[in-house]
Amino acid sequence: MVNLWHFFGLPDPEGNAPVARRRTPNPAEQPVALETAPVAGTESKPKPASATKSNSSGLRPVPLGWTGPLTPDGEPFHDLGMVRSPPLPLPTQALRYVAPDEMKRIHAQSILKRVIQGDTVIVDLRPLVHMDSHQMACRRELKHMGDQAGVEIFALDNEDKLLMIPGLDIVVDMQKRELGLTPLL
């Protein structure tokens, strides 16, 4: 009995060999031995049965160098799950999140290096909730750093506590000015 995999013409993943079924002989596939008298001047040789069977079966030959699985009929089976793609290159730009450290400082020079490399930096000043003057000092320091790098600094919220500094060669659309979930609602 043939299992489900062989019914659809797929190789069995468990490796069970198909059970050979008995076939009734087809008269077209059987070699016929005819006794005929040779005609003078011609010599005919009978073709072997294997040559006529492989030509009449209609199977495509296995491509040279094929190492993949074969169907029960002997045709190459292209398993799309086995496709090997080359490893993806490492990204050169990233999105960075920066918050004040335990001493409530923002390291603007480190941010400047990342922005020049092309990274987009999100600076979160929300941990400085009760320090309005310190928030303003951090904003001024970031503004000075943005002027050095030649980039603009964008506020992502209404309180200017979540700031975005795009990296060099990053395009920011300033026409729509739609932030957050408000446009979706």
N, C-alpha and C. Protein backbone atom coordinates (compact mmCIF):
# COMPACT_ATOMS: atom_id res chain seq x y z
N MET A 1 0.84 -1.17 0.00
CA MET A 1 0.00 0.00 0.00
C MET A 1 0.89 1.24 0.00
N VAL A 2 0.55 2.21 -0.79
CA VAL A 2 1.33 3.44 -0.90
C VAL A 2 0.84 4.41 0.16
N ASN A 3 1.80 5.11 0.82
CA ASN A 3 1.39 6.06 1.85
C ASN A 3 1.00 7.39 1.21
N LEU A 4 0.57 8.32 2.05
CA LEU A 4 0.05 9.61 1.57
C LEU A 4 1.12 10.42 0.84
N TRP A 5 2.36 10.35 1.32
CA TRP A 5 3.43 11.13 0.69
C TRP A 5 3.65 10.67 -0.75
N HIS A 6 3.67 9.38 -0.96
CA HIS A 6 3.92 8.85 -2.30
C HIS A 6 2.71 9.04 -3.20
N PHE A 7 1.53 9.13 -2.60
CA PHE A 7 0.32 9.39 -3.39
C PHE A 7 0.42 10.75 -4.08
N PHE A 8 0.97 11.76 -3.36
CA PHE A 8 1.13 13.09 -3.93
C PHE A 8 2.45 13.25 -4.67
N GLY A 9 3.27 12.23 -4.71
CA GLY A 9 4.53 12.29 -5.45
C GLY A 9 5.64 12.96 -4.67
N LEU A 10 5.55 12.98 -3.33
CA LEU A 10 6.57 13.61 -2.50
C LEU A 10 7.41 12.54 -1.82
N PRO A 11 8.65 12.86 -1.49
CA PRO A 11 9.47 11.89 -0.76
C PRO A 11 8.97 11.76 0.67
N ASP A 12 9.05 10.57 1.20
CA ASP A 12 8.58 10.29 2.55
C ASP A 12 9.58 10.87 3.56
N PRO A 13 9.15 11.80 4.46
CA PRO A 13 10.12 12.38 5.40
C PRO A 13 10.62 11.38 6.42
N GLU A 14 9.89 10.30 6.66
CA GLU A 14 10.33 9.28 7.60
C GLU A 14 11.25 8.27 6.93
N GLY A 15 11.38 8.33 5.63
CA GLY A 15 12.30 7.47 4.90
C GLY A 15 11.76 6.07 4.63
N ASN A 16 10.46 5.86 4.78
CA ASN A 16 9.90 4.54 4.48
C ASN A 16 9.89 4.33 2.98
N ALA A 17 10.38 3.21 2.55
CA ALA A 17 10.41 2.90 1.12
C ALA A 17 9.00 2.54 0.66
N PRO A 18 8.62 2.95 -0.52
CA PRO A 18 7.29 2.60 -1.00
C PRO A 18 7.20 1.10 -1.29
N VAL A 19 6.02 0.58 -1.08
CA VAL A 19 5.78 -0.83 -1.36
C VAL A 19 5.52 -0.96 -2.86
N ALA A 20 6.26 -1.85 -3.47
CA ALA A 20 6.11 -2.02 -4.92
C ALA A 20 4.79 -2.73 -5.21
N ARG A 21 4.04 -2.16 -6.15
CA ARG A 21 2.77 -2.78 -6.54
C ARG A 21 3.00 -3.63 -7.77
N ARG A 22 2.22 -4.64 -7.86
CA ARG A 22 2.28 -5.50 -9.05
C ARG A 22 1.55 -4.81 -10.17
N ARG A 23 2.22 -4.76 -11.29
CA ARG A 23 1.60 -4.15 -12.45
C ARG A 23 1.20 -5.23 -13.42
N THR A 24 0.13 -4.96 -14.08
CA THR A 24 -0.24 -5.87 -15.16
C THR A 24 0.57 -5.46 -16.37
N PRO A 25 1.11 -6.40 -17.09
CA PRO A 25 1.96 -6.04 -18.23
C PRO A 25 1.16 -5.33 -19.31
N ASN A 26 1.75 -4.29 -19.82
CA ASN A 26 1.17 -3.51 -20.90
C ASN A 26 1.78 -4.03 -22.20
N PRO A 27 0.97 -4.42 -23.14
CA PRO A 27 1.54 -4.98 -24.38
C PRO A 27 2.41 -3.98 -25.13
N ALA A 28 2.18 -2.68 -24.97
CA ALA A 28 2.98 -1.69 -25.68
C ALA A 28 4.39 -1.62 -25.12
N GLU A 29 4.57 -1.95 -23.81
CA GLU A 29 5.87 -1.87 -23.20
C GLU A 29 6.67 -3.17 -23.35
N GLN A 30 6.02 -4.25 -23.65
CA GLN A 30 6.70 -5.55 -23.75
C GLN A 30 7.45 -5.63 -25.07
N PRO A 31 8.68 -6.13 -25.02
CA PRO A 31 9.40 -6.30 -26.29
C PRO A 31 8.77 -7.45 -27.08
N VAL A 32 8.62 -7.18 -28.30
CA VAL A 32 8.00 -8.18 -29.18
C VAL A 32 9.10 -8.76 -30.06
N ALA A 33 9.22 -10.05 -30.04
CA ALA A 33 10.22 -10.71 -30.89
C ALA A 33 9.52 -11.19 -32.15
N LEU A 34 9.83 -10.53 -33.23
CA LEU A 34 9.24 -10.92 -34.51
C LEU A 34 10.30 -11.68 -35.30
N GLU A 35 9.87 -12.75 -35.86
CA GLU A 35 10.78 -13.50 -36.70
C GLU A 35 10.51 -13.10 -38.14
N THR A 36 11.42 -12.34 -38.64
CA THR A 36 11.30 -11.93 -40.03
C THR A 36 12.59 -12.28 -40.74
N ALA A 37 12.45 -12.45 -41.99
CA ALA A 37 13.64 -12.76 -42.79
C ALA A 37 14.33 -11.46 -43.12
N PRO A 38 15.64 -11.41 -42.92
CA PRO A 38 16.34 -10.17 -43.24
C PRO A 38 16.33 -9.90 -44.72
N VAL A 39 16.15 -8.63 -45.02
CA VAL A 39 16.16 -8.20 -46.41
C VAL A 39 17.62 -8.09 -46.83
N ALA A 40 17.89 -8.42 -48.05
CA ALA A 40 19.26 -8.42 -48.53
C ALA A 40 19.84 -7.01 -48.45
N GLY A 41 21.02 -6.88 -47.83
CA GLY A 41 21.72 -5.61 -47.78
C GLY A 41 21.41 -4.80 -46.52
N THR A 42 20.44 -5.20 -45.73
CA THR A 42 20.14 -4.46 -44.50
C THR A 42 20.28 -5.39 -43.33
N GLU A 43 20.81 -4.85 -42.27
CA GLU A 43 20.91 -5.61 -41.04
C GLU A 43 20.18 -4.82 -39.96
N SER A 44 19.25 -5.42 -39.31
CA SER A 44 18.52 -4.73 -38.24
C SER A 44 18.79 -5.44 -36.94
N LYS A 45 19.02 -4.64 -35.92
CA LYS A 45 19.25 -5.18 -34.59
C LYS A 45 18.05 -4.81 -33.73
N PRO A 46 17.53 -5.72 -32.95
CA PRO A 46 16.41 -5.37 -32.09
C PRO A 46 16.88 -4.44 -30.97
N LYS A 47 16.02 -3.48 -30.60
CA LYS A 47 16.34 -2.54 -29.52
C LYS A 47 16.11 -3.23 -28.18
N PRO A 48 16.95 -2.96 -27.19
CA PRO A 48 16.72 -3.55 -25.88
C PRO A 48 15.46 -2.94 -25.25
N ALA A 49 14.82 -3.72 -24.38
CA ALA A 49 13.57 -3.29 -23.76
C ALA A 49 13.79 -2.09 -22.85
N SER A 50 14.95 -1.95 -22.20
CA SER A 50 15.18 -0.84 -21.28
C SER A 50 15.27 0.49 -22.03
N ALA A 51 15.79 0.48 -23.25
CA ALA A 51 15.90 1.73 -24.01
C ALA A 51 14.53 2.24 -24.42
N THR A 52 13.64 1.36 -24.80
CA THR A 52 12.32 1.83 -25.19
C THR A 52 11.51 2.27 -23.98
N LYS A 53 11.75 1.66 -22.83
CA LYS A 53 10.97 2.01 -21.65
C LYS A 53 11.36 3.39 -21.13
N SER A 54 12.67 3.74 -21.09
CA SER A 54 13.08 5.03 -20.55
C SER A 54 12.66 6.17 -21.48
N ASN A 55 12.64 5.94 -22.76
CA ASN A 55 12.25 6.99 -23.69
C ASN A 55 10.74 7.22 -23.65
N SER A 56 9.97 6.17 -23.47
CA SER A 56 8.52 6.32 -23.52
C SER A 56 7.93 6.77 -22.19
N SER A 57 8.70 6.73 -21.09
CA SER A 57 8.15 7.09 -19.79
C SER A 57 7.94 8.59 -19.65
N GLY A 58 8.68 9.43 -20.34
CA GLY A 58 8.49 10.87 -20.31
C GLY A 58 9.13 11.53 -19.09
N LEU A 59 9.99 10.86 -18.34
CA LEU A 59 10.65 11.45 -17.19
C LEU A 59 11.77 12.37 -17.64
N ARG A 60 11.92 13.45 -16.91
CA ARG A 60 13.02 14.35 -17.19
C ARG A 60 14.27 13.81 -16.51
N PRO A 61 15.41 13.95 -17.14
CA PRO A 61 16.64 13.48 -16.50
C PRO A 61 16.99 14.37 -15.31
N VAL A 62 17.67 13.79 -14.34
CA VAL A 62 18.11 14.54 -13.16
C VAL A 62 19.22 15.49 -13.60
N PRO A 63 19.13 16.79 -13.22
CA PRO A 63 20.17 17.75 -13.62
C PRO A 63 21.53 17.35 -13.06
N LEU A 64 22.57 17.74 -13.79
CA LEU A 64 23.93 17.44 -13.34
C LEU A 64 24.20 18.15 -12.01
N GLY A 65 24.80 17.46 -11.09
CA GLY A 65 25.13 18.04 -9.80
C GLY A 65 23.97 18.12 -8.84
N TRP A 66 22.86 17.46 -9.14
CA TRP A 66 21.68 17.52 -8.27
C TRP A 66 21.96 16.74 -6.99
N THR A 67 21.78 17.39 -5.84
CA THR A 67 22.02 16.73 -4.56
C THR A 67 20.76 16.69 -3.72
N GLY A 68 19.67 17.22 -4.22
CA GLY A 68 18.43 17.27 -3.46
C GLY A 68 17.67 15.96 -3.52
N PRO A 69 16.50 15.94 -2.87
CA PRO A 69 15.70 14.71 -2.86
C PRO A 69 15.05 14.45 -4.21
N LEU A 70 14.65 13.19 -4.40
CA LEU A 70 13.97 12.77 -5.62
C LEU A 70 12.59 12.27 -5.26
N THR A 71 11.64 12.44 -6.17
CA THR A 71 10.30 11.91 -5.98
C THR A 71 10.35 10.40 -6.22
N PRO A 72 9.30 9.68 -5.85
CA PRO A 72 9.30 8.23 -6.11
C PRO A 72 9.44 7.89 -7.59
N ASP A 73 9.07 8.82 -8.46
CA ASP A 73 9.23 8.58 -9.89
C ASP A 73 10.64 8.82 -10.38
N GLY A 74 11.50 9.38 -9.50
CA GLY A 74 12.88 9.64 -9.88
C GLY A 74 13.13 11.05 -10.39
N GLU A 75 12.14 11.95 -10.28
CA GLU A 75 12.33 13.32 -10.73
C GLU A 75 12.85 14.17 -9.57
N PRO A 76 13.61 15.23 -9.87
CA PRO A 76 14.12 16.06 -8.79
C PRO A 76 12.98 16.79 -8.07
N PHE A 77 13.05 16.82 -6.75
CA PHE A 77 12.04 17.49 -5.93
C PHE A 77 12.68 18.72 -5.31
N HIS A 78 12.10 19.88 -5.58
CA HIS A 78 12.63 21.15 -5.08
C HIS A 78 11.92 21.48 -3.77
N ASP A 79 12.57 21.21 -2.67
CA ASP A 79 12.00 21.51 -1.35
C ASP A 79 12.30 22.97 -1.04
N LEU A 80 11.26 23.81 -1.04
CA LEU A 80 11.46 25.25 -0.83
C LEU A 80 11.87 25.56 0.59
N GLY A 81 11.67 24.64 1.51
CA GLY A 81 12.11 24.85 2.87
C GLY A 81 13.60 24.68 3.04
N MET A 82 14.27 24.13 2.06
CA MET A 82 15.71 23.89 2.15
C MET A 82 16.52 24.95 1.40
N VAL A 83 15.91 26.05 1.02
CA VAL A 83 16.62 27.08 0.26
C VAL A 83 17.61 27.78 1.20
N ARG A 84 18.82 27.87 0.77
CA ARG A 84 19.85 28.53 1.55
C ARG A 84 20.11 29.90 0.93
N SER A 85 19.89 30.94 1.73
CA SER A 85 20.16 32.29 1.25
C SER A 85 21.45 32.78 1.89
N PRO A 86 22.13 33.68 1.23
CA PRO A 86 23.38 34.19 1.81
C PRO A 86 23.06 34.99 3.07
N PRO A 87 23.98 35.05 4.01
CA PRO A 87 23.70 35.81 5.24
C PRO A 87 23.51 37.28 4.92
N LEU A 88 22.59 37.89 5.63
CA LEU A 88 22.31 39.30 5.41
C LEU A 88 23.47 40.15 5.93
N PRO A 89 23.77 41.24 5.23
CA PRO A 89 24.86 42.10 5.72
C PRO A 89 24.43 42.80 7.01
N LEU A 90 25.41 43.10 7.83
CA LEU A 90 25.12 43.80 9.07
C LEU A 90 24.66 45.22 8.76
N PRO A 91 23.66 45.72 9.49
CA PRO A 91 23.19 47.08 9.21
C PRO A 91 24.24 48.11 9.63
N THR A 92 24.27 49.19 8.91
CA THR A 92 25.23 50.26 9.22
C THR A 92 24.56 51.38 9.99
N GLN A 93 23.24 51.43 10.00
CA GLN A 93 22.53 52.48 10.73
C GLN A 93 21.57 51.82 11.71
N ALA A 94 21.29 52.52 12.80
CA ALA A 94 20.43 51.95 13.83
C ALA A 94 19.57 53.05 14.43
N LEU A 95 18.57 52.63 15.18
CA LEU A 95 17.74 53.53 15.97
C LEU A 95 18.16 53.34 17.42
N ARG A 96 18.62 54.39 18.05
CA ARG A 96 19.14 54.31 19.42
C ARG A 96 18.20 55.04 20.37
N TYR A 97 18.05 54.49 21.57
CA TYR A 97 17.24 55.10 22.63
C TYR A 97 18.20 55.52 23.74
N VAL A 98 18.13 56.79 24.14
CA VAL A 98 19.02 57.32 25.17
C VAL A 98 18.16 57.95 26.26
N ALA A 99 18.46 57.60 27.50
CA ALA A 99 17.81 58.19 28.67
C ALA A 99 18.92 58.69 29.60
N PRO A 100 18.60 59.61 30.48
CA PRO A 100 19.63 60.08 31.42
C PRO A 100 20.16 58.93 32.28
N ASP A 101 21.45 58.99 32.60
CA ASP A 101 22.04 57.95 33.44
C ASP A 101 21.67 58.18 34.90
N GLU A 102 22.29 57.42 35.80
CA GLU A 102 21.92 57.53 37.21
C GLU A 102 22.32 58.88 37.81
N MET A 103 23.25 59.58 37.17
CA MET A 103 23.63 60.92 37.63
C MET A 103 22.82 62.00 36.90
N LYS A 104 21.78 61.59 36.14
CA LYS A 104 20.87 62.49 35.42
C LYS A 104 21.60 63.30 34.35
N ARG A 105 22.57 62.65 33.65
CA ARG A 105 23.32 63.31 32.59
C ARG A 105 22.97 62.72 31.24
N ILE A 106 23.05 63.54 30.22
CA ILE A 106 22.92 63.11 28.83
C ILE A 106 24.31 63.29 28.21
N HIS A 107 24.86 62.24 27.63
CA HIS A 107 26.21 62.28 27.05
C HIS A 107 26.10 62.71 25.59
N ALA A 108 26.19 64.01 25.37
CA ALA A 108 25.96 64.58 24.04
C ALA A 108 27.07 64.21 23.07
N GLN A 109 28.31 64.06 23.53
CA GLN A 109 29.40 63.73 22.61
C GLN A 109 29.26 62.30 22.07
N SER A 110 28.79 61.39 22.90
CA SER A 110 28.54 60.02 22.42
C SER A 110 27.40 60.01 21.42
N ILE A 111 26.37 60.82 21.69
CA ILE A 111 25.24 60.93 20.76
C ILE A 111 25.71 61.53 19.44
N LEU A 112 26.60 62.54 19.51
CA LEU A 112 27.12 63.19 18.31
C LEU A 112 27.87 62.18 17.42
N LYS A 113 28.66 61.29 18.02
CA LYS A 113 29.38 60.28 17.24
C LYS A 113 28.41 59.36 16.52
N ARG A 114 27.35 58.94 17.20
CA ARG A 114 26.36 58.05 16.59
C ARG A 114 25.59 58.75 15.49
N VAL A 115 25.24 60.02 15.68
CA VAL A 115 24.49 60.77 14.66
C VAL A 115 25.34 60.95 13.41
N ILE A 116 26.62 61.20 13.58
CA ILE A 116 27.51 61.36 12.42
C ILE A 116 27.64 60.04 11.67
N GLN A 117 27.56 58.90 12.37
CA GLN A 117 27.62 57.59 11.72
C GLN A 117 26.33 57.27 10.98
N GLY A 118 25.25 58.03 11.22
CA GLY A 118 23.99 57.81 10.53
C GLY A 118 22.89 57.24 11.41
N ASP A 119 23.16 57.03 12.69
CA ASP A 119 22.15 56.49 13.59
C ASP A 119 21.14 57.58 13.96
N THR A 120 19.88 57.18 14.10
CA THR A 120 18.84 58.07 14.60
C THR A 120 18.72 57.84 16.10
N VAL A 121 18.72 58.92 16.87
CA VAL A 121 18.73 58.81 18.32
C VAL A 121 17.44 59.40 18.87
N ILE A 122 16.80 58.65 19.77
CA ILE A 122 15.63 59.12 20.50
C ILE A 122 16.10 59.41 21.92
N VAL A 123 15.96 60.65 22.36
CA VAL A 123 16.39 61.05 23.70
C VAL A 123 15.13 61.23 24.54
N ASP A 124 15.09 60.54 25.68
CA ASP A 124 13.94 60.57 26.57
C ASP A 124 14.29 61.38 27.80
N LEU A 125 13.67 62.53 27.95
CA LEU A 125 13.90 63.38 29.12
C LEU A 125 12.81 63.21 30.18
N ARG A 126 11.92 62.25 29.99
CA ARG A 126 10.82 62.06 30.94
C ARG A 126 11.28 61.64 32.33
N PRO A 127 12.42 60.93 32.49
CA PRO A 127 12.85 60.63 33.87
C PRO A 127 13.18 61.89 34.69
N LEU A 128 13.40 63.01 34.05
CA LEU A 128 13.70 64.27 34.75
C LEU A 128 12.40 65.02 35.02
N VAL A 129 11.44 64.38 35.67
CA VAL A 129 10.09 64.91 35.83
C VAL A 129 10.08 66.20 36.64
N HIS A 130 10.77 66.23 37.76
CA HIS A 130 10.69 67.39 38.66
C HIS A 130 11.87 68.33 38.50
N MET A 131 12.60 68.21 37.40
CA MET A 131 13.80 69.03 37.20
C MET A 131 13.66 69.84 35.92
N ASP A 132 12.81 70.85 35.93
CA ASP A 132 12.58 71.64 34.72
C ASP A 132 13.84 72.36 34.25
N SER A 133 14.59 72.93 35.18
CA SER A 133 15.80 73.65 34.76
C SER A 133 16.84 72.67 34.19
N HIS A 134 16.92 71.47 34.73
CA HIS A 134 17.86 70.48 34.21
C HIS A 134 17.41 69.98 32.83
N GLN A 135 16.10 69.86 32.63
CA GLN A 135 15.58 69.49 31.30
C GLN A 135 15.96 70.55 30.28
N MET A 136 15.83 71.80 30.64
CA MET A 136 16.19 72.89 29.72
C MET A 136 17.69 72.86 29.41
N ALA A 137 18.51 72.56 30.41
CA ALA A 137 19.96 72.49 30.19
C ALA A 137 20.29 71.34 29.23
N CYS A 138 19.61 70.21 29.39
CA CYS A 138 19.84 69.08 28.48
C CYS A 138 19.39 69.42 27.06
N ARG A 139 18.27 70.12 26.93
CA ARG A 139 17.79 70.53 25.60
C ARG A 139 18.80 71.47 24.94
N ARG A 140 19.34 72.41 25.71
CA ARG A 140 20.34 73.34 25.15
C ARG A 140 21.59 72.58 24.71
N GLU A 141 22.03 71.63 25.52
CA GLU A 141 23.21 70.84 25.17
C GLU A 141 22.95 70.02 23.90
N LEU A 142 21.76 69.45 23.78
CA LEU A 142 21.42 68.69 22.57
C LEU A 142 21.30 69.61 21.36
N LYS A 143 20.77 70.82 21.56
CA LYS A 143 20.67 71.79 20.45
C LYS A 143 22.06 72.17 19.95
N HIS A 144 22.99 72.40 20.89
CA HIS A 144 24.36 72.73 20.50
C HIS A 144 25.00 71.56 19.75
N MET A 145 24.75 70.33 20.21
CA MET A 145 25.28 69.14 19.55
C MET A 145 24.67 69.00 18.14
N GLY A 146 23.37 69.29 17.98
CA GLY A 146 22.72 69.22 16.68
C GLY A 146 23.29 70.25 15.71
N ASP A 147 23.63 71.43 16.24
CA ASP A 147 24.25 72.46 15.39
C ASP A 147 25.63 72.02 14.91
N GLN A 148 26.38 71.33 15.78
CA GLN A 148 27.69 70.83 15.39
C GLN A 148 27.57 69.78 14.28
N ALA A 149 26.56 68.90 14.40
CA ALA A 149 26.39 67.83 13.42
C ALA A 149 25.65 68.31 12.17
N GLY A 150 24.99 69.44 12.26
CA GLY A 150 24.23 69.95 11.11
C GLY A 150 22.89 69.26 10.93
N VAL A 151 22.26 68.84 12.04
CA VAL A 151 20.96 68.18 11.97
C VAL A 151 19.97 68.93 12.88
N GLU A 152 18.71 68.78 12.55
CA GLU A 152 17.65 69.37 13.37
C GLU A 152 17.23 68.38 14.45
N ILE A 153 16.66 68.91 15.52
CA ILE A 153 16.14 68.08 16.60
C ILE A 153 14.63 68.26 16.62
N PHE A 154 13.90 67.13 16.64
CA PHE A 154 12.45 67.15 16.56
C PHE A 154 11.84 66.67 17.87
N ALA A 155 10.78 67.32 18.30
CA ALA A 155 10.04 66.89 19.48
C ALA A 155 8.97 65.90 19.04
N LEU A 156 8.88 64.78 19.75
CA LEU A 156 7.92 63.75 19.40
C LEU A 156 6.67 63.80 20.27
N ASP A 157 6.66 64.67 21.26
CA ASP A 157 5.48 64.83 22.12
C ASP A 157 5.23 66.31 22.36
N ASN A 158 4.12 66.62 22.99
CA ASN A 158 3.74 68.02 23.20
C ASN A 158 4.57 68.70 24.28
N GLU A 159 5.14 67.93 25.22
CA GLU A 159 5.91 68.52 26.33
C GLU A 159 7.39 68.66 26.00
N ASP A 160 7.82 68.28 24.80
CA ASP A 160 9.23 68.32 24.39
C ASP A 160 10.12 67.50 25.32
N LYS A 161 9.63 66.38 25.78
CA LYS A 161 10.44 65.50 26.64
C LYS A 161 10.93 64.27 25.88
N LEU A 162 10.40 64.03 24.70
CA LEU A 162 10.84 62.92 23.86
C LEU A 162 11.34 63.54 22.55
N LEU A 163 12.65 63.51 22.37
CA LEU A 163 13.29 64.21 21.25
C LEU A 163 13.89 63.20 20.28
N MET A 164 13.81 63.54 18.98
CA MET A 164 14.41 62.69 17.95
C MET A 164 15.50 63.48 17.24
N ILE A 165 16.67 62.85 17.14
CA ILE A 165 17.79 63.45 16.42
C ILE A 165 18.10 62.51 15.26
N PRO A 166 17.74 62.90 14.02
CA PRO A 166 18.01 62.01 12.88
C PRO A 166 19.50 62.01 12.55
N GLY A 167 19.96 60.86 12.07
CA GLY A 167 21.36 60.75 11.68
C GLY A 167 21.61 61.47 10.36
N LEU A 168 22.88 61.59 10.03
CA LEU A 168 23.22 62.22 8.75
C LEU A 168 22.64 61.38 7.62
N ASP A 169 22.21 62.03 6.57
CA ASP A 169 21.61 61.40 5.39
C ASP A 169 20.27 60.72 5.67
N ILE A 170 19.61 61.07 6.77
CA ILE A 170 18.27 60.58 7.08
C ILE A 170 17.28 61.68 6.71
N VAL A 171 16.26 61.34 5.93
CA VAL A 171 15.28 62.31 5.48
C VAL A 171 14.08 62.28 6.42
N VAL A 172 13.65 63.45 6.86
CA VAL A 172 12.50 63.58 7.75
C VAL A 172 11.47 64.45 7.03
N ASP A 173 10.24 63.93 6.90
CA ASP A 173 9.17 64.69 6.26
C ASP A 173 8.62 65.68 7.26
N MET A 174 8.74 66.97 6.95
CA MET A 174 8.29 68.01 7.88
C MET A 174 6.99 68.66 7.42
N GLN A 175 6.36 68.16 6.36
CA GLN A 175 5.15 68.76 5.84
C GLN A 175 3.90 68.30 6.58
N LYS A 176 3.79 67.02 6.86
CA LYS A 176 2.56 66.48 7.44
C LYS A 176 2.43 66.82 8.92
N ARG A 177 3.50 66.72 9.67
CA ARG A 177 3.52 67.00 11.10
C ARG A 177 2.49 66.20 11.87
N GLU A 178 2.34 64.94 11.51
CA GLU A 178 1.41 64.05 12.20
C GLU A 178 2.20 63.06 13.02
N LEU A 179 2.00 63.10 14.33
CA LEU A 179 2.72 62.20 15.22
C LEU A 179 1.72 61.40 16.05
N GLY A 180 2.17 60.23 16.46
CA GLY A 180 1.39 59.43 17.38
C GLY A 180 0.19 58.76 16.74
N LEU A 181 -0.78 58.40 17.56
CA LEU A 181 -1.97 57.69 17.11
C LEU A 181 -3.10 58.63 16.71
N THR A 182 -2.96 59.92 16.90
CA THR A 182 -4.05 60.87 16.59
C THR A 182 -4.49 60.80 15.14
N PRO A 183 -3.57 60.73 14.13
CA PRO A 183 -4.04 60.62 12.75
C PRO A 183 -4.80 59.34 12.47
N LEU A 184 -4.48 58.27 13.19
CA LEU A 184 -5.16 56.99 12.95
C LEU A 184 -6.56 56.98 13.55
N LEU A 185 -6.76 57.71 14.63
CA LEU A 185 -8.07 57.72 15.29
C LEU A 185 -8.94 58.69 14.57
